[in-house]
Amino acid sequence: RAAARLGERAAAALDAALVTGAALLASEQLG
C-alpha cells in the first residue's frame, strides 16, 4: 500500500512537472 501511494504521488509529481515545463516552454518560444 505504501508503494502504491508513493507511485501515485510520483506520477502526480511527474504530471505536474510536465505541465509546468510545457507552460514555461511556451514563454521561451514566445521570446
PDB file of all heavy atoms in Angstrom:
ATOM      1  N   ARG A   1       0.834  -1.210   0.000  1.00  0.00           N
ATOM      2  CA  ARG A   1       0.000   0.000   0.000  1.00  0.00           C
ATOM      3  C   ARG A   1       0.864   1.252   0.000  1.00  0.00           C
ATOM      4  O   ARG A   1       0.562   2.227  -0.687  1.00  0.00           O
ATOM      5  CB  ARG A   1      -0.943  -0.001   1.192  1.00  0.00           C
ATOM      6  CG  ARG A   1      -2.170  -0.829   0.944  1.00  0.00           C
ATOM      7  CD  ARG A   1      -3.184  -0.637   2.047  1.00  0.00           C
ATOM      8  NE  ARG A   1      -3.344  -1.959   2.632  1.00  0.00           N
ATOM      9  CZ  ARG A   1      -3.491  -2.239   3.900  1.00  0.00           C
ATOM     10  NH1 ARG A   1      -3.541  -1.283   4.783  1.00  0.00           N
ATOM     11  NH2 ARG A   1      -3.610  -3.473   4.308  1.00  0.00           N
ATOM     12  N   ALA A   2       1.934   1.228   0.772  1.00  0.00           N
ATOM     13  CA  ALA A   2       2.845   2.377   0.813  1.00  0.00           C
ATOM     14  C   ALA A   2       3.496   2.594  -0.548  1.00  0.00           C
ATOM     15  O   ALA A   2       3.641   3.728  -1.015  1.00  0.00           O
ATOM     16  CB  ALA A   2       3.906   2.178   1.894  1.00  0.00           C
ATOM     17  N   ALA A   3       3.884   1.508  -1.185  1.00  0.00           N
ATOM     18  CA  ALA A   3       4.489   1.611  -2.518  1.00  0.00           C
ATOM     19  C   ALA A   3       3.484   2.158  -3.531  1.00  0.00           C
ATOM     20  O   ALA A   3       3.836   2.960  -4.392  1.00  0.00           O
ATOM     21  CB  ALA A   3       5.014   0.252  -2.961  1.00  0.00           C
ATOM     22  N   ALA A   4       2.247   1.717  -3.421  1.00  0.00           N
ATOM     23  CA  ALA A   4       1.208   2.202  -4.338  1.00  0.00           C
ATOM     24  C   ALA A   4       0.972   3.692  -4.132  1.00  0.00           C
ATOM     25  O   ALA A   4       0.837   4.451  -5.103  1.00  0.00           O
ATOM     26  CB  ALA A   4      -0.092   1.426  -4.140  1.00  0.00           C
ATOM     27  N   ARG A   5       0.944   4.136  -2.865  1.00  0.00           N
ATOM     28  CA  ARG A   5       0.755   5.565  -2.585  1.00  0.00           C
ATOM     29  C   ARG A   5       1.934   6.375  -3.109  1.00  0.00           C
ATOM     30  O   ARG A   5       1.764   7.444  -3.679  1.00  0.00           O
ATOM     31  CB  ARG A   5       0.567   5.800  -1.084  1.00  0.00           C
ATOM     32  CG  ARG A   5      -0.806   5.409  -0.571  1.00  0.00           C
ATOM     33  CD  ARG A   5      -1.038   5.939   0.838  1.00  0.00           C
ATOM     34  NE  ARG A   5       0.017   5.583   1.770  1.00  0.00           N
ATOM     35  CZ  ARG A   5       0.005   4.515   2.577  1.00  0.00           C
ATOM     36  NH1 ARG A   5      -1.020   3.692   2.554  1.00  0.00           N
ATOM     37  NH2 ARG A   5       1.006   4.283   3.392  1.00  0.00           N
ATOM     38  N   LEU A   6       3.143   5.846  -2.903  1.00  0.00           N
ATOM     39  CA  LEU A   6       4.336   6.525  -3.403  1.00  0.00           C
ATOM     40  C   LEU A   6       4.307   6.617  -4.928  1.00  0.00           C
ATOM     41  O   LEU A   6       4.634   7.653  -5.503  1.00  0.00           O
ATOM     42  CB  LEU A   6       5.595   5.793  -2.937  1.00  0.00           C
ATOM     43  CG  LEU A   6       6.921   6.390  -3.404  1.00  0.00           C
ATOM     44  CD1 LEU A   6       7.080   7.801  -2.850  1.00  0.00           C
ATOM     45  CD2 LEU A   6       8.074   5.509  -2.981  1.00  0.00           C
ATOM     46  N   GLY A   7       3.887   5.537  -5.583  1.00  0.00           N
ATOM     47  CA  GLY A   7       3.781   5.541  -7.044  1.00  0.00           C
ATOM     48  C   GLY A   7       2.774   6.562  -7.537  1.00  0.00           C
ATOM     49  O   GLY A   7       3.014   7.250  -8.527  1.00  0.00           O
ATOM     50  N   GLU A   8       1.657   6.680  -6.831  1.00  0.00           N
ATOM     51  CA  GLU A   8       0.635   7.659  -7.213  1.00  0.00           C
ATOM     52  C   GLU A   8       1.162   9.080  -7.055  1.00  0.00           C
ATOM     53  O   GLU A   8       0.944   9.941  -7.912  1.00  0.00           O
ATOM     54  CB  GLU A   8      -0.627   7.469  -6.373  1.00  0.00           C
ATOM     55  CG  GLU A   8      -1.397   6.221  -6.711  1.00  0.00           C
ATOM     56  CD  GLU A   8      -2.510   5.935  -5.707  1.00  0.00           C
ATOM     57  OE1 GLU A   8      -2.757   6.779  -4.813  1.00  0.00           O
ATOM     58  OE2 GLU A   8      -3.109   4.855  -5.818  1.00  0.00           O
ATOM     59  N   ARG A   9       1.870   9.330  -5.949  1.00  0.00           N
ATOM     60  CA  ARG A   9       2.428  10.677  -5.721  1.00  0.00           C
ATOM     61  C   ARG A   9       3.506  10.995  -6.756  1.00  0.00           C
ATOM     62  O   ARG A   9       3.606  12.113  -7.231  1.00  0.00           O
ATOM     63  CB  ARG A   9       2.971  10.797  -4.302  1.00  0.00           C
ATOM     64  CG  ARG A   9       1.873  10.883  -3.261  1.00  0.00           C
ATOM     65  CD  ARG A   9       2.385  11.396  -1.938  1.00  0.00           C
ATOM     66  NE  ARG A   9       3.605  10.745  -1.499  1.00  0.00           N
ATOM     67  CZ  ARG A   9       3.721   9.990  -0.402  1.00  0.00           C
ATOM     68  NH1 ARG A   9       2.683   9.805   0.371  1.00  0.00           N
ATOM     69  NH2 ARG A   9       4.872   9.447  -0.090  1.00  0.00           N
ATOM     70  N   ALA A  10       4.320   9.989  -7.085  1.00  0.00           N
ATOM     71  CA  ALA A  10       5.363  10.202  -8.088  1.00  0.00           C
ATOM     72  C   ALA A  10       4.745  10.502  -9.448  1.00  0.00           C
ATOM     73  O   ALA A  10       5.218  11.389 -10.171  1.00  0.00           O
ATOM     74  CB  ALA A  10       6.278   8.985  -8.166  1.00  0.00           C
ATOM     75  N   ALA A  11       3.698   9.783  -9.795  1.00  0.00           N
ATOM     76  CA  ALA A  11       3.024  10.021 -11.076  1.00  0.00           C
ATOM     77  C   ALA A  11       2.404  11.412 -11.111  1.00  0.00           C
ATOM     78  O   ALA A  11       2.490  12.113 -12.125  1.00  0.00           O
ATOM     79  CB  ALA A  11       1.958   8.960 -11.323  1.00  0.00           C
ATOM     80  N   ALA A  12       1.812  11.826  -9.997  1.00  0.00           N
ATOM     81  CA  ALA A  12       1.219  13.173  -9.928  1.00  0.00           C
ATOM     82  C   ALA A  12       2.291  14.245 -10.020  1.00  0.00           C
ATOM     83  O   ALA A  12       2.111  15.268 -10.694  1.00  0.00           O
ATOM     84  CB  ALA A  12       0.414  13.330  -8.644  1.00  0.00           C
ATOM     85  N   ALA A  13       3.431  14.025  -9.367  1.00  0.00           N
ATOM     86  CA  ALA A  13       4.536  14.990  -9.423  1.00  0.00           C
ATOM     87  C   ALA A  13       5.111  15.082 -10.833  1.00  0.00           C
ATOM     88  O   ALA A  13       5.404  16.181 -11.329  1.00  0.00           O
ATOM     89  CB  ALA A  13       5.625  14.612  -8.428  1.00  0.00           C
ATOM     90  N   LEU A  14       5.262  13.951 -11.491  1.00  0.00           N
ATOM     91  CA  LEU A  14       5.762  13.943 -12.862  1.00  0.00           C
ATOM     92  C   LEU A  14       4.793  14.660 -13.793  1.00  0.00           C
ATOM     93  O   LEU A  14       5.201  15.456 -14.641  1.00  0.00           O
ATOM     94  CB  LEU A  14       5.999  12.511 -13.336  1.00  0.00           C
ATOM     95  CG  LEU A  14       6.464  12.354 -14.784  1.00  0.00           C
ATOM     96  CD1 LEU A  14       7.803  13.047 -14.985  1.00  0.00           C
ATOM     97  CD2 LEU A  14       6.541  10.894 -15.163  1.00  0.00           C
ATOM     98  N   ASP A  15       3.507  14.394 -13.628  1.00  0.00           N
ATOM     99  CA  ASP A  15       2.494  15.053 -14.447  1.00  0.00           C
ATOM    100  C   ASP A  15       2.525  16.570 -14.241  1.00  0.00           C
ATOM    101  O   ASP A  15       2.490  17.333 -15.201  1.00  0.00           O
ATOM    102  CB  ASP A  15       1.114  14.489 -14.103  1.00  0.00           C
ATOM    103  CG  ASP A  15       0.042  15.017 -15.028  1.00  0.00           C
ATOM    104  OD1 ASP A  15       0.191  14.863 -16.258  1.00  0.00           O
ATOM    105  OD2 ASP A  15      -0.933  15.598 -14.507  1.00  0.00           O
ATOM    106  N   ALA A  16       2.629  16.999 -12.990  1.00  0.00           N
ATOM    107  CA  ALA A  16       2.700  18.433 -12.696  1.00  0.00           C
ATOM    108  C   ALA A  16       3.961  19.049 -13.297  1.00  0.00           C
ATOM    109  O   ALA A  16       3.928  20.172 -13.815  1.00  0.00           O
ATOM    110  CB  ALA A  16       2.662  18.667 -11.189  1.00  0.00           C
ATOM    111  N   ALA A  17       5.071  18.320 -13.260  1.00  0.00           N
ATOM    112  CA  ALA A  17       6.321  18.827 -13.838  1.00  0.00           C
ATOM    113  C   ALA A  17       6.204  18.981 -15.354  1.00  0.00           C
ATOM    114  O   ALA A  17       6.696  19.961 -15.927  1.00  0.00           O
ATOM    115  CB  ALA A  17       7.477  17.893 -13.485  1.00  0.00           C
ATOM    116  N   LEU A  18       5.549  18.028 -16.005  1.00  0.00           N
ATOM    117  CA  LEU A  18       5.381  18.115 -17.459  1.00  0.00           C
ATOM    118  C   LEU A  18       4.472  19.278 -17.846  1.00  0.00           C
ATOM    119  O   LEU A  18       4.724  19.979 -18.827  1.00  0.00           O
ATOM    120  CB  LEU A  18       4.831  16.798 -18.005  1.00  0.00           C
ATOM    121  CG  LEU A  18       5.809  15.621 -17.967  1.00  0.00           C
ATOM    122  CD1 LEU A  18       5.107  14.329 -18.373  1.00  0.00           C
ATOM    123  CD2 LEU A  18       7.013  15.887 -18.849  1.00  0.00           C
ATOM    124  N   VAL A  19       3.417  19.494 -17.075  1.00  0.00           N
ATOM    125  CA  VAL A  19       2.524  20.624 -17.346  1.00  0.00           C
ATOM    126  C   VAL A  19       3.279  21.941 -17.144  1.00  0.00           C
ATOM    127  O   VAL A  19       3.197  22.857 -17.962  1.00  0.00           O
ATOM    128  CB  VAL A  19       1.266  20.563 -16.452  1.00  0.00           C
ATOM    129  CG1 VAL A  19       0.477  21.861 -16.512  1.00  0.00           C
ATOM    130  CG2 VAL A  19       0.389  19.392 -16.877  1.00  0.00           C
ATOM    131  N   THR A  20       4.052  22.032 -16.063  1.00  0.00           N
ATOM    132  CA  THR A  20       4.836  23.239 -15.789  1.00  0.00           C
ATOM    133  C   THR A  20       5.877  23.460 -16.888  1.00  0.00           C
ATOM    134  O   THR A  20       6.045  24.583 -17.372  1.00  0.00           O
ATOM    135  CB  THR A  20       5.523  23.127 -14.419  1.00  0.00           C
ATOM    136  OG1 THR A  20       4.520  22.952 -13.420  1.00  0.00           O
ATOM    137  CG2 THR A  20       6.348  24.357 -14.115  1.00  0.00           C
ATOM    138  N   GLY A  21       6.540  22.394 -17.282  1.00  0.00           N
ATOM    139  CA  GLY A  21       7.541  22.509 -18.350  1.00  0.00           C
ATOM    140  C   GLY A  21       6.932  22.988 -19.657  1.00  0.00           C
ATOM    141  O   GLY A  21       7.507  23.838 -20.343  1.00  0.00           O
ATOM    142  N   ALA A  22       5.772  22.457 -20.001  1.00  0.00           N
ATOM    143  CA  ALA A  22       5.104  22.871 -21.242  1.00  0.00           C
ATOM    144  C   ALA A  22       4.703  24.341 -21.175  1.00  0.00           C
ATOM    145  O   ALA A  22       4.850  25.078 -22.162  1.00  0.00           O
ATOM    146  CB  ALA A  22       3.883  21.994 -21.500  1.00  0.00           C
ATOM    147  N   ALA A  23       4.216  24.780 -20.030  1.00  0.00           N
ATOM    148  CA  ALA A  23       3.816  26.187 -19.883  1.00  0.00           C
ATOM    149  C   ALA A  23       5.024  27.110 -19.968  1.00  0.00           C
ATOM    150  O   ALA A  23       4.967  28.169 -20.612  1.00  0.00           O
ATOM    151  CB  ALA A  23       3.081  26.384 -18.560  1.00  0.00           C
ATOM    152  N   LEU A  24       6.117  26.725 -19.325  1.00  0.00           N
ATOM    153  CA  LEU A  24       7.317  27.562 -19.359  1.00  0.00           C
ATOM    154  C   LEU A  24       7.976  27.564 -20.737  1.00  0.00           C
ATOM    155  O   LEU A  24       8.515  28.593 -21.172  1.00  0.00           O
ATOM    156  CB  LEU A  24       8.308  27.106 -18.289  1.00  0.00           C
ATOM    157  CG  LEU A  24       7.836  27.291 -16.851  1.00  0.00           C
ATOM    158  CD1 LEU A  24       8.851  26.741 -15.875  1.00  0.00           C
ATOM    159  CD2 LEU A  24       7.528  28.743 -16.565  1.00  0.00           C
ATOM    160  N   LEU A  25       7.926  26.434 -21.413  1.00  0.00           N
ATOM    161  CA  LEU A  25       8.493  26.372 -22.758  1.00  0.00           C
ATOM    162  C   LEU A  25       7.740  27.306 -23.702  1.00  0.00           C
ATOM    163  O   LEU A  25       8.332  27.897 -24.609  1.00  0.00           O
ATOM    164  CB  LEU A  25       8.472  24.941 -23.301  1.00  0.00           C
ATOM    165  CG  LEU A  25       9.083  24.745 -24.684  1.00  0.00           C
ATOM    166  CD1 LEU A  25      10.555  25.154 -24.696  1.00  0.00           C
ATOM    167  CD2 LEU A  25       8.926  23.310 -25.127  1.00  0.00           C
ATOM    168  N   ALA A  26       6.448  27.476 -23.484  1.00  0.00           N
ATOM    169  CA  ALA A  26       5.675  28.405 -24.311  1.00  0.00           C
ATOM    170  C   ALA A  26       6.223  29.826 -24.182  1.00  0.00           C
ATOM    171  O   ALA A  26       6.302  30.565 -25.169  1.00  0.00           O
ATOM    172  CB  ALA A  26       4.199  28.367 -23.927  1.00  0.00           C
ATOM    173  N   SER A  27       6.649  30.203 -22.980  1.00  0.00           N
ATOM    174  CA  SER A  27       7.236  31.531 -22.794  1.00  0.00           C
ATOM    175  C   SER A  27       8.578  31.639 -23.502  1.00  0.00           C
ATOM    176  O   SER A  27       8.907  32.682 -24.074  1.00  0.00           O
ATOM    177  CB  SER A  27       7.409  31.834 -21.300  1.00  0.00           C
ATOM    178  OG  SER A  27       6.151  31.955 -20.687  1.00  0.00           O
ATOM    179  N   GLU A  28       9.349  30.566 -23.480  1.00  0.00           N
ATOM    180  CA  GLU A  28      10.616  30.581 -24.216  1.00  0.00           C
ATOM    181  C   GLU A  28      10.358  30.692 -25.721  1.00  0.00           C
ATOM    182  O   GLU A  28      11.049  31.434 -26.430  1.00  0.00           O
ATOM    183  CB  GLU A  28      11.422  29.318 -23.933  1.00  0.00           C
ATOM    184  CG  GLU A  28      12.751  29.301 -24.679  1.00  0.00           C
ATOM    185  CD  GLU A  28      13.509  28.005 -24.514  1.00  0.00           C
ATOM    186  OE1 GLU A  28      13.441  27.396 -23.447  1.00  0.00           O
ATOM    187  OE2 GLU A  28      14.178  27.607 -25.491  1.00  0.00           O
ATOM    188  N   GLN A  29       9.368  29.962 -26.204  1.00  0.00           N
ATOM    189  CA  GLN A  29       9.035  30.027 -27.623  1.00  0.00           C
ATOM    190  C   GLN A  29       8.582  31.433 -28.000  1.00  0.00           C
ATOM    191  O   GLN A  29       8.903  31.927 -29.081  1.00  0.00           O
ATOM    192  CB  GLN A  29       7.946  29.004 -27.952  1.00  0.00           C
ATOM    193  CG  GLN A  29       8.434  27.581 -27.872  1.00  0.00           C
ATOM    194  CD  GLN A  29       7.316  26.568 -27.889  1.00  0.00           C
ATOM    195  OE1 GLN A  29       6.257  26.780 -27.287  1.00  0.00           O
ATOM    196  NE2 GLN A  29       7.538  25.452 -28.558  1.00  0.00           N
ATOM    197  N   LEU A  30       7.853  32.077 -27.115  1.00  0.00           N
ATOM    198  CA  LEU A  30       7.432  33.445 -27.352  1.00  0.00           C
ATOM    199  C   LEU A  30       8.647  34.360 -27.460  1.00  0.00           C
ATOM    200  O   LEU A  30       8.727  35.198 -28.361  1.00  0.00           O
ATOM    201  CB  LEU A  30       6.503  33.915 -26.230  1.00  0.00           C
ATOM    202  CG  LEU A  30       6.139  35.394 -26.234  1.00  0.00           C
ATOM    203  CD1 LEU A  30       5.336  35.743 -27.475  1.00  0.00           C
ATOM    204  CD2 LEU A  30       5.379  35.743 -24.969  1.00  0.00           C
ATOM    205  N   GLY A  31       9.588  34.225 -26.547  1.00  0.00           N
ATOM    206  CA  GLY A  31      10.800  35.041 -26.595  1.00  0.00           C
ATOM    207  C   GLY A  31      11.600  34.809 -27.865  1.00  0.00           C
ATOM    208  O   GLY A  31      12.126  35.750 -28.472  1.00  0.00           O
TER     209      GLY A  31
END
